N, C-alpha and C. Protein backbone atom coordinates (compact mmCIF):
# COMPACT_ATOMS: atom_id res chain seq x y z
N MET A 1 153.35 104.96 106.99
CA MET A 1 154.53 104.94 105.58
C MET A 1 154.67 105.71 104.57
N ASN A 2 156.06 105.80 103.79
CA ASN A 2 156.08 107.00 102.61
C ASN A 2 156.03 105.96 101.16
N THR A 3 155.41 106.40 100.36
CA THR A 3 155.56 106.81 98.91
C THR A 3 156.58 107.45 97.83
N LEU A 4 156.81 106.45 96.66
CA LEU A 4 158.50 107.17 96.41
C LEU A 4 158.02 107.02 95.13
N THR A 5 158.20 107.40 93.58
CA THR A 5 157.76 106.89 92.29
C THR A 5 158.99 107.19 91.73
N VAL A 6 159.46 105.84 91.06
CA VAL A 6 160.76 105.86 90.31
C VAL A 6 160.40 105.78 88.17
N TYR A 7 160.75 106.87 87.53
CA TYR A 7 159.88 107.05 86.46
C TYR A 7 161.46 106.21 85.70
N LEU A 8 161.26 105.68 84.98
CA LEU A 8 162.43 104.12 84.02
C LEU A 8 162.22 104.62 82.73
N SER A 9 163.35 105.44 81.76
CA SER A 9 162.82 105.84 80.96
C SER A 9 164.71 105.21 80.03
N SER A 10 163.84 104.97 78.54
CA SER A 10 164.98 104.54 77.43
C SER A 10 164.91 105.29 76.60
N ALA A 11 165.85 104.58 75.53
CA ALA A 11 165.49 105.21 74.12
C ALA A 11 165.94 104.20 73.39
N PRO A 12 165.81 104.06 72.06
CA PRO A 12 165.40 102.18 71.32
C PRO A 12 167.10 101.82 71.30
N SER A 13 167.85 102.71 71.58
CA SER A 13 169.42 101.90 71.44
C SER A 13 169.95 101.57 72.99
N SER A 14 169.48 102.06 73.85
CA SER A 14 169.61 101.62 75.61
C SER A 14 169.61 100.11 75.13
N THR A 15 170.44 99.43 76.01
CA THR A 15 170.72 98.34 76.55
C THR A 15 170.92 97.79 77.94
N TYR A 16 171.64 98.34 79.05
CA TYR A 16 171.76 98.78 80.56
C TYR A 16 172.08 100.40 80.94
N ILE A 17 171.33 100.92 81.25
CA ILE A 17 171.25 101.85 82.29
C ILE A 17 170.68 101.44 83.70
N VAL A 18 172.21 102.57 84.57
CA VAL A 18 171.99 102.67 86.25
C VAL A 18 171.61 104.00 86.15
N GLU A 19 170.62 103.81 86.91
CA GLU A 19 170.08 105.00 87.61
C GLU A 19 170.60 106.09 88.67
N ASP A 20 170.11 107.03 88.93
CA ASP A 20 170.42 107.54 89.72
C ASP A 20 170.06 107.15 90.66
N GLU A 21 170.99 107.04 91.80
CA GLU A 21 170.99 106.26 93.08
C GLU A 21 169.26 107.19 94.12
N ILE A 22 168.30 106.52 95.00
CA ILE A 22 168.06 107.13 96.08
C ILE A 22 168.11 106.88 96.92
N TYR A 23 167.45 107.33 97.51
CA TYR A 23 167.36 107.41 99.47
C TYR A 23 166.21 107.45 99.87
N PHE A 24 166.13 106.75 101.23
CA PHE A 24 164.98 107.11 102.14
C PHE A 24 164.78 106.76 103.30
N THR A 25 164.35 106.88 104.39
CA THR A 25 163.99 106.27 105.47
C THR A 25 162.82 105.49 105.81
N ASP A 26 162.90 104.75 106.84
CA ASP A 26 161.52 103.97 107.42
C ASP A 26 160.69 103.53 106.22
N VAL A 27 159.53 102.88 106.46
CA VAL A 27 159.37 101.76 105.17
C VAL A 27 158.89 102.32 103.69
N THR A 28 158.72 102.12 102.75
CA THR A 28 158.83 102.98 101.68
C THR A 28 157.84 101.76 100.44
N ASP A 29 156.45 102.30 100.21
CA ASP A 29 155.90 101.94 98.84
C ASP A 29 156.33 102.57 97.59
N VAL A 30 157.45 101.82 97.44
CA VAL A 30 158.53 102.60 95.72
C VAL A 30 157.22 101.98 93.98
N SER A 31 156.89 102.50 93.30
CA SER A 31 156.09 102.37 92.82
C SER A 31 157.53 102.61 91.30
N PHE A 32 157.31 101.73 89.98
CA PHE A 32 157.95 101.89 89.03
C PHE A 32 157.57 101.49 88.09
N ASN A 33 157.57 103.45 87.87
CA ASN A 33 156.66 103.86 86.27
C ASN A 33 157.94 103.42 84.82
N VAL A 34 156.86 102.60 84.04
CA VAL A 34 158.16 102.64 83.06
C VAL A 34 157.22 103.27 81.52
N ASP A 35 156.07 104.22 82.07
CA ASP A 35 155.76 104.49 80.45
C ASP A 35 155.99 105.35 79.81
N ASP A 36 157.48 105.75 80.05
CA ASP A 36 158.85 106.20 79.10
C ASP A 36 159.48 105.63 78.51
N VAL A 37 159.50 103.71 78.98
CA VAL A 37 160.61 102.91 78.33
C VAL A 37 160.54 102.75 77.11
N SER A 38 161.69 102.92 75.97
CA SER A 38 161.00 102.54 75.00
C SER A 38 160.17 100.85 73.89
N PHE A 39 159.07 101.70 74.37
CA PHE A 39 158.38 99.98 72.51
C PHE A 39 159.06 100.78 71.44
N HIS A 40 159.51 100.28 70.90
CA HIS A 40 160.40 100.25 69.55
C HIS A 40 159.40 98.67 68.99
N LYS A 41 159.73 97.57 69.97
CA LYS A 41 159.40 96.64 69.06
C LYS A 41 158.87 96.19 70.26
N PRO A 42 158.15 95.55 69.85
CA PRO A 42 156.98 94.34 71.21
C PRO A 42 157.62 93.99 71.99
N PRO A 43 157.50 93.35 73.48
CA PRO A 43 158.37 93.66 74.59
C PRO A 43 157.08 92.23 74.33
N LEU A 44 158.28 90.95 75.30
CA LEU A 44 157.84 90.16 75.24
C LEU A 44 157.23 90.17 76.57
N SER A 45 158.46 89.84 77.81
CA SER A 45 158.33 90.00 79.23
C SER A 45 159.07 91.10 80.04
N ILE A 46 158.18 91.12 80.74
CA ILE A 46 159.05 92.69 81.92
C ILE A 46 159.84 91.58 83.47
N LYS A 47 161.08 91.64 84.02
CA LYS A 47 160.71 90.95 85.52
C LYS A 47 161.85 91.56 85.65
N PHE A 48 161.15 91.73 87.67
CA PHE A 48 162.26 92.77 88.69
C PHE A 48 162.77 91.79 89.32
N ASP A 49 163.90 92.05 89.91
CA ASP A 49 164.69 91.56 90.79
C ASP A 49 164.72 92.31 91.50
N TRP A 50 163.70 92.67 92.56
CA TRP A 50 163.78 93.89 93.84
C TRP A 50 164.87 94.18 95.10
N GLY A 51 165.86 93.50 95.16
CA GLY A 51 167.05 93.45 95.70
C GLY A 51 167.02 93.18 96.60
N ASP A 52 166.10 92.78 97.63
CA ASP A 52 165.80 91.95 98.57
C ASP A 52 165.11 91.02 99.26
N LEU A 53 166.07 90.11 98.08
CA LEU A 53 165.57 88.64 98.19
C LEU A 53 164.64 88.79 98.30
N SER A 54 163.06 89.79 98.39
CA SER A 54 162.01 89.34 97.86
C SER A 54 161.87 88.02 95.98
N LEU A 55 161.13 87.52 96.12
CA LEU A 55 160.64 87.05 94.97
C LEU A 55 161.00 87.54 93.39
N ILE A 56 161.24 87.76 92.46
CA ILE A 56 161.99 87.73 91.50
C ILE A 56 160.05 88.29 90.85
N TYR A 57 159.72 89.11 90.60
CA TYR A 57 158.32 89.60 89.75
C TYR A 57 159.06 89.40 88.65
N THR A 58 157.52 88.71 87.41
CA THR A 58 158.07 88.29 86.09
C THR A 58 156.93 88.35 85.30
N GLU A 59 156.63 89.20 84.32
CA GLU A 59 155.11 89.78 83.63
C GLU A 59 155.30 89.42 82.13
N SER A 60 154.82 88.43 81.62
CA SER A 60 154.45 88.19 80.07
C SER A 60 153.70 88.70 79.54
N ASN A 61 154.06 89.25 78.40
CA ASN A 61 152.89 89.61 77.34
C ASN A 61 152.60 88.74 75.84
N ASP A 62 151.10 88.76 75.87
CA ASP A 62 151.29 87.76 75.18
C ASP A 62 150.66 88.28 73.69
N PHE A 63 151.03 89.48 73.29
CA PHE A 63 150.90 90.04 72.69
C PHE A 63 151.54 88.99 70.65
N PHE A 64 152.56 88.95 70.58
CA PHE A 64 153.69 88.08 70.07
C PHE A 64 154.10 87.35 70.28
N THR A 65 154.21 86.11 69.45
CA THR A 65 154.29 84.33 69.77
C THR A 65 155.20 84.14 68.36
N THR A 66 156.36 83.69 68.77
CA THR A 66 157.46 83.63 67.99
C THR A 66 157.13 82.23 68.21
N GLU A 67 157.65 81.41 66.34
CA GLU A 67 157.51 80.74 65.60
C GLU A 67 158.77 80.40 64.75
N PRO A 68 159.27 79.56 64.40
CA PRO A 68 160.91 79.56 63.79
C PRO A 68 160.50 80.18 62.66
N ASN A 69 161.63 81.26 62.43
CA ASN A 69 161.35 82.65 61.17
C ASN A 69 160.45 83.16 61.03
N THR A 70 159.97 82.96 62.24
CA THR A 70 157.63 83.70 61.63
C THR A 70 157.84 84.33 62.91
N ILE A 71 157.05 86.32 62.99
CA ILE A 71 156.17 86.32 64.58
C ILE A 71 154.87 86.18 64.00
N THR A 72 154.39 85.74 64.87
CA THR A 72 152.56 86.05 64.30
C THR A 72 151.67 87.16 66.15
N GLN A 73 150.64 87.49 65.63
CA GLN A 73 150.57 89.30 66.31
C GLN A 73 149.43 87.79 66.73
N SER A 74 149.26 86.91 68.30
CA SER A 74 147.69 87.22 69.12
C SER A 74 147.27 88.19 68.83
N ILE A 75 145.39 87.22 69.50
CA ILE A 75 144.38 87.90 69.69
C ILE A 75 143.65 88.88 70.89
N TYR A 76 145.00 88.20 71.79
CA TYR A 76 144.92 87.98 73.22
C TYR A 76 145.71 88.84 74.10
N GLY A 77 145.88 89.95 74.32
CA GLY A 77 146.78 91.12 74.43
C GLY A 77 147.32 92.35 73.37
N SER A 78 148.25 93.14 73.66
CA SER A 78 148.99 94.24 72.98
C SER A 78 150.36 94.78 74.16
N PRO A 79 151.32 95.13 73.77
CA PRO A 79 152.53 95.57 73.97
C PRO A 79 152.09 96.63 75.33
N ILE A 80 151.27 97.05 75.41
CA ILE A 80 150.27 97.77 76.11
C ILE A 80 150.27 96.66 77.62
N THR A 81 150.27 96.14 77.40
CA THR A 81 149.61 95.52 79.42
C THR A 81 151.14 95.14 79.92
N LEU A 82 151.86 95.77 78.95
CA LEU A 82 153.34 95.95 80.64
C LEU A 82 153.53 97.58 80.80
N ILE A 83 153.12 98.65 79.58
CA ILE A 83 152.72 99.58 80.54
C ILE A 83 152.08 100.08 81.49
N LYS A 84 152.65 100.08 82.61
CA LYS A 84 151.79 100.20 84.32
C LYS A 84 153.07 100.42 85.54
N ASP A 85 152.48 100.52 86.14
CA ASP A 85 153.20 100.64 87.46
C ASP A 85 153.13 99.85 88.25
N TYR A 86 154.95 99.33 88.99
CA TYR A 86 154.74 97.70 89.07
C TYR A 86 155.47 98.64 90.76
N LYS A 87 154.78 98.15 92.10
CA LYS A 87 154.86 98.32 92.97
C LYS A 87 155.39 97.26 93.57
N HIS A 88 156.52 97.56 95.05
CA HIS A 88 156.88 96.20 95.87
C HIS A 88 157.50 97.80 97.33
N THR A 89 157.30 96.87 98.33
CA THR A 89 157.24 97.62 99.79
C THR A 89 159.06 97.69 100.06
N TYR A 90 159.58 98.30 100.17
CA TYR A 90 161.04 98.52 100.65
C TYR A 90 160.59 98.53 102.47
N SER A 91 161.38 97.95 103.41
CA SER A 91 161.48 97.82 105.27
C SER A 91 162.48 97.92 105.14
N PRO A 92 163.77 99.20 106.51
CA PRO A 92 164.60 99.17 106.89
C PRO A 92 164.98 97.57 107.64
N SER A 93 166.03 97.30 107.94
CA SER A 93 166.95 96.54 107.91
C SER A 93 167.17 96.77 109.49
N ILE A 94 166.75 96.04 110.55
CA ILE A 94 166.56 95.29 112.43
C ILE A 94 167.96 95.42 112.75
N GLU A 95 169.11 94.72 111.74
CA GLU A 95 170.00 94.71 112.36
C GLU A 95 171.01 95.80 112.11
N ALA A 96 170.77 96.52 110.68
CA ALA A 96 172.25 97.46 110.38
C ALA A 96 171.35 98.80 110.01
N LEU A 97 172.33 100.07 110.60
CA LEU A 97 171.48 101.50 110.30
C LEU A 97 171.04 101.53 109.02
N THR A 98 171.85 100.90 107.59
CA THR A 98 172.30 101.47 106.48
C THR A 98 172.50 99.73 106.09
N THR A 99 170.83 100.09 104.56
CA THR A 99 170.88 99.04 103.59
C THR A 99 171.16 99.99 102.06
N LYS A 100 172.11 98.86 101.41
CA LYS A 100 172.30 99.16 99.76
C LYS A 100 172.12 97.99 99.32
N LEU A 101 171.20 98.43 98.21
CA LEU A 101 171.04 97.30 97.56
C LEU A 101 170.21 98.07 96.10
N SER A 102 170.20 97.27 95.05
CA SER A 102 169.63 97.34 93.78
C SER A 102 168.87 96.82 93.11
N CYS A 103 167.46 97.70 92.20
CA CYS A 103 166.67 96.52 91.95
C CYS A 103 166.84 97.18 90.59
N GLN A 104 167.24 95.17 89.67
CA GLN A 104 166.85 95.50 88.25
C GLN A 104 165.66 94.70 87.63
N VAL A 105 165.14 95.76 87.20
CA VAL A 105 164.61 95.36 85.55
C VAL A 105 165.23 95.53 84.62
N LYS A 106 164.39 93.95 84.33
CA LYS A 106 164.40 93.77 83.00
C LYS A 106 163.49 93.28 81.83
N LEU A 107 163.49 94.43 80.63
CA LEU A 107 162.84 93.96 79.03
C LEU A 107 163.02 93.69 78.53
N THR A 108 162.28 92.56 77.98
CA THR A 108 163.77 91.65 77.01
C THR A 108 162.09 91.53 75.60
N TYR A 109 162.51 92.05 74.75
CA TYR A 109 161.67 91.72 73.49
C TYR A 109 161.97 90.53 72.17
N TYR A 110 161.00 91.10 71.36
CA TYR A 110 160.12 89.65 71.01
C TYR A 110 161.64 88.78 70.48
N ASP A 111 163.25 89.99 69.24
CA ASP A 111 163.57 89.12 68.70
C ASP A 111 164.69 88.98 70.10
N SER A 112 164.84 88.80 71.69
CA SER A 112 165.80 88.44 72.14
C SER A 112 166.87 88.97 72.69
N THR A 113 166.50 90.72 72.19
CA THR A 113 167.16 91.70 72.93
C THR A 113 166.72 92.35 74.53
N SER A 114 167.01 93.02 74.37
CA SER A 114 166.62 93.13 76.38
C SER A 114 167.16 94.74 76.69
N CYS A 115 166.74 95.24 77.41
CA CYS A 115 166.72 96.58 77.77
C CYS A 115 166.82 96.30 79.87
N VAL A 116 168.12 96.61 80.27
CA VAL A 116 168.22 96.35 81.62
C VAL A 116 168.18 97.49 82.09
N PHE A 117 167.71 97.78 83.08
CA PHE A 117 168.14 99.16 83.76
C PHE A 117 168.10 98.69 85.30
N VAL A 118 168.98 99.70 85.93
CA VAL A 118 169.53 98.66 87.51
C VAL A 118 169.51 100.68 88.13
N GLN A 119 168.42 100.44 89.61
CA GLN A 119 168.48 101.29 90.17
C GLN A 119 168.83 100.78 91.86
N PRO A 120 169.66 101.62 92.21
CA PRO A 120 170.59 101.50 93.40
C PRO A 120 169.98 102.19 94.33
N ILE A 121 169.48 100.78 95.41
CA ILE A 121 168.56 101.95 97.27
C ILE A 121 169.17 101.75 97.43
N THR A 122 169.61 103.33 98.46
CA THR A 122 170.00 103.46 100.22
C THR A 122 168.74 103.50 101.06
N ILE A 123 168.16 102.52 101.47
CA ILE A 123 167.25 102.75 103.36
C ILE A 123 167.96 102.57 103.94
N TYR A 124 167.98 104.21 105.11
CA TYR A 124 168.53 104.66 106.34
C TYR A 124 167.36 103.76 107.52
N THR A 125 168.51 103.26 108.32
CA THR A 125 167.18 102.30 109.55
C THR A 125 166.86 103.92 110.49
N PRO A 126 165.58 104.13 110.52
CA PRO A 126 165.40 105.32 111.65
C PRO A 126 165.97 104.61 113.08
N SER A 127 166.30 106.55 113.65
CA SER A 127 166.58 106.48 114.73
C SER A 127 165.69 106.71 115.44
N PHE A 128 165.78 106.17 116.40
CA PHE A 128 164.93 106.82 118.03
C PHE A 128 164.07 107.80 118.13
N HIS A 129 164.98 109.15 117.65
CA HIS A 129 163.79 110.76 117.50
C HIS A 129 163.44 110.85 116.41
N TYR A 130 163.96 109.87 115.15
CA TYR A 130 163.35 110.40 113.72
C TYR A 130 161.99 109.55 114.26
N LYS A 131 161.11 108.44 115.15
CA LYS A 131 160.71 107.39 114.86
C LYS A 131 160.05 108.79 115.93
N VAL A 132 160.17 109.19 117.41
CA VAL A 132 158.91 109.48 117.87
C VAL A 132 159.16 111.49 117.79
N GLU A 133 159.63 111.45 117.56
CA GLU A 133 160.22 113.10 117.81
C GLU A 133 160.19 113.91 119.02
N ASP A 134 159.22 114.33 118.81
CA ASP A 134 159.14 115.28 120.41
C ASP A 134 158.35 114.18 121.11
N ILE A 135 158.75 113.69 122.55
CA ILE A 135 157.75 113.50 123.64
C ILE A 135 157.73 114.20 124.84
N THR A 136 156.23 114.09 125.60
CA THR A 136 155.78 115.06 126.46
C THR A 136 155.22 113.53 126.89
N LEU A 137 155.84 114.18 128.99
CA LEU A 137 155.29 112.74 130.25
C LEU A 137 154.00 113.46 130.35
N LEU A 138 153.43 111.86 130.03
CA LEU A 138 151.69 111.77 130.83
C LEU A 138 151.93 111.28 132.23
N GLN A 139 152.53 110.70 133.15
CA GLN A 139 152.39 111.15 134.68
C GLN A 139 153.46 109.77 134.80
N THR A 140 153.52 110.29 135.77
CA THR A 140 154.84 109.47 136.86
C THR A 140 153.72 108.65 138.10
N ALA A 141 154.50 107.09 138.32
CA ALA A 141 153.88 106.61 138.95
C ALA A 141 154.77 105.72 140.36
N PHE A 142 154.80 106.32 141.96
CA PHE A 142 155.81 105.44 142.76
C PHE A 142 155.04 103.88 142.56
N ILE A 143 156.14 102.95 142.68
CA ILE A 143 156.35 102.09 142.68
C ILE A 143 157.13 101.44 143.51
N ASP A 144 157.27 100.43 144.55
CA ASP A 144 157.76 99.61 144.83
C ASP A 144 158.71 100.42 146.43
N ASN A 145 157.09 100.66 146.69
CA ASN A 145 157.58 101.86 148.21
C ASN A 145 158.82 102.82 148.21
N TYR A 146 158.64 103.47 146.61
CA TYR A 146 159.19 104.90 146.36
C TYR A 146 160.34 104.60 145.97
N SER A 147 160.86 103.03 146.00
CA SER A 147 161.97 103.52 145.42
C SER A 147 162.16 103.01 143.89
N SER A 148 161.11 102.43 142.57
CA SER A 148 161.36 103.04 141.52
C SER A 148 159.93 103.97 140.94
N VAL A 149 160.19 104.27 140.01
CA VAL A 149 159.59 105.58 139.37
C VAL A 149 158.95 105.04 138.26
N LEU A 150 157.69 104.96 137.54
CA LEU A 150 157.38 104.57 136.04
C LEU A 150 156.56 105.95 136.04
N TYR A 151 157.51 106.32 134.44
CA TYR A 151 157.42 107.50 133.83
C TYR A 151 156.62 106.71 132.76
N THR A 152 155.35 107.98 131.80
CA THR A 152 154.55 107.17 130.81
C THR A 152 154.93 109.06 129.94
N PHE A 153 155.24 108.15 128.32
CA PHE A 153 155.04 109.77 127.60
C PHE A 153 154.75 109.49 126.65
N MET A 154 154.21 110.42 125.77
CA MET A 154 153.76 110.54 124.82
C MET A 154 154.78 110.76 123.49
N ALA A 155 154.64 110.08 122.31
CA ALA A 155 155.41 110.47 121.47
C ALA A 155 154.69 111.70 120.87
N SER A 156 155.10 112.94 120.13
CA SER A 156 154.38 113.87 119.02
C SER A 156 154.14 112.97 117.21
N LYS A 157 154.58 112.34 116.93
CA LYS A 157 155.19 112.39 115.62
C LYS A 157 153.32 111.25 115.35
N ASP A 158 153.48 109.97 116.38
CA ASP A 158 152.69 109.09 115.76
C ASP A 158 151.51 108.97 117.10
N GLY A 159 151.44 109.67 118.75
CA GLY A 159 150.75 109.15 119.28
C GLY A 159 151.26 108.16 120.40
N SER A 160 152.18 107.32 120.47
CA SER A 160 152.61 106.17 120.52
C SER A 160 152.76 106.64 122.07
N VAL A 161 152.62 105.86 123.26
CA VAL A 161 152.89 105.79 124.43
C VAL A 161 154.48 104.98 124.82
N ILE A 162 155.44 105.57 125.70
CA ILE A 162 156.81 105.16 125.79
C ILE A 162 156.65 105.02 127.28
N GLU A 163 157.10 103.98 128.19
CA GLU A 163 157.24 103.80 129.69
C GLU A 163 158.62 103.49 129.89
N SER A 164 158.48 103.87 131.08
CA SER A 164 159.89 103.71 131.30
C SER A 164 159.78 104.33 132.80
N VAL A 165 161.05 102.69 133.26
CA VAL A 165 161.24 102.73 135.43
C VAL A 165 162.62 102.97 135.31
N TYR A 166 162.84 103.73 136.10
CA TYR A 166 163.92 103.81 137.11
C TYR A 166 163.71 103.92 138.38
N SER A 167 164.72 102.83 138.47
CA SER A 167 164.62 102.28 139.67
C SER A 167 165.88 103.22 140.82
N ASN A 168 165.72 103.11 141.95
CA ASN A 168 166.62 103.93 142.87
C ASN A 168 167.19 102.93 143.67
N THR A 169 168.46 102.22 143.91
CA THR A 169 168.46 100.99 143.89
C THR A 169 169.30 101.17 145.51
N ALA A 170 169.87 101.87 145.49
CA ALA A 170 170.96 102.61 146.10
C ALA A 170 170.78 102.90 146.91
N THR A 171 171.77 101.94 148.05
CA THR A 171 171.06 102.37 149.96
C THR A 171 172.20 103.48 150.73
């Protein structure tokens, strides 16, 4: 499994940011790091729409509570509770060679303003050669009175065993 870290950053005036597209192949754990996001105002929540039809992840901060015309500080937490890495696992499609999607992150502040990040993602489905790299012939076996041959190979990438049957049915 691959790992990748995406660093999200914003200035105080940023409200909508589209990041550079990222590309990867195979199953990948993506970690979204929000250490450099502007916390010039206390954040109330962060929401992740991962883009791959999985559940939307929301985390709220109980540092500030709002009442009509006032802002009161709570004793339960701090703005730091939202500053951490958020991880999600992306997998390639079993039906397509390329999957394009976008992860959207919305940071909402106590005054109802927000900062939205859009992270375009392209996931390539690995080919057979990418998955196995080189193969080594382990053994052959004749079956069905020598009309069929069973070949057993080992993949150099992960050591998995691949079997293939060749049948000579021509008479």
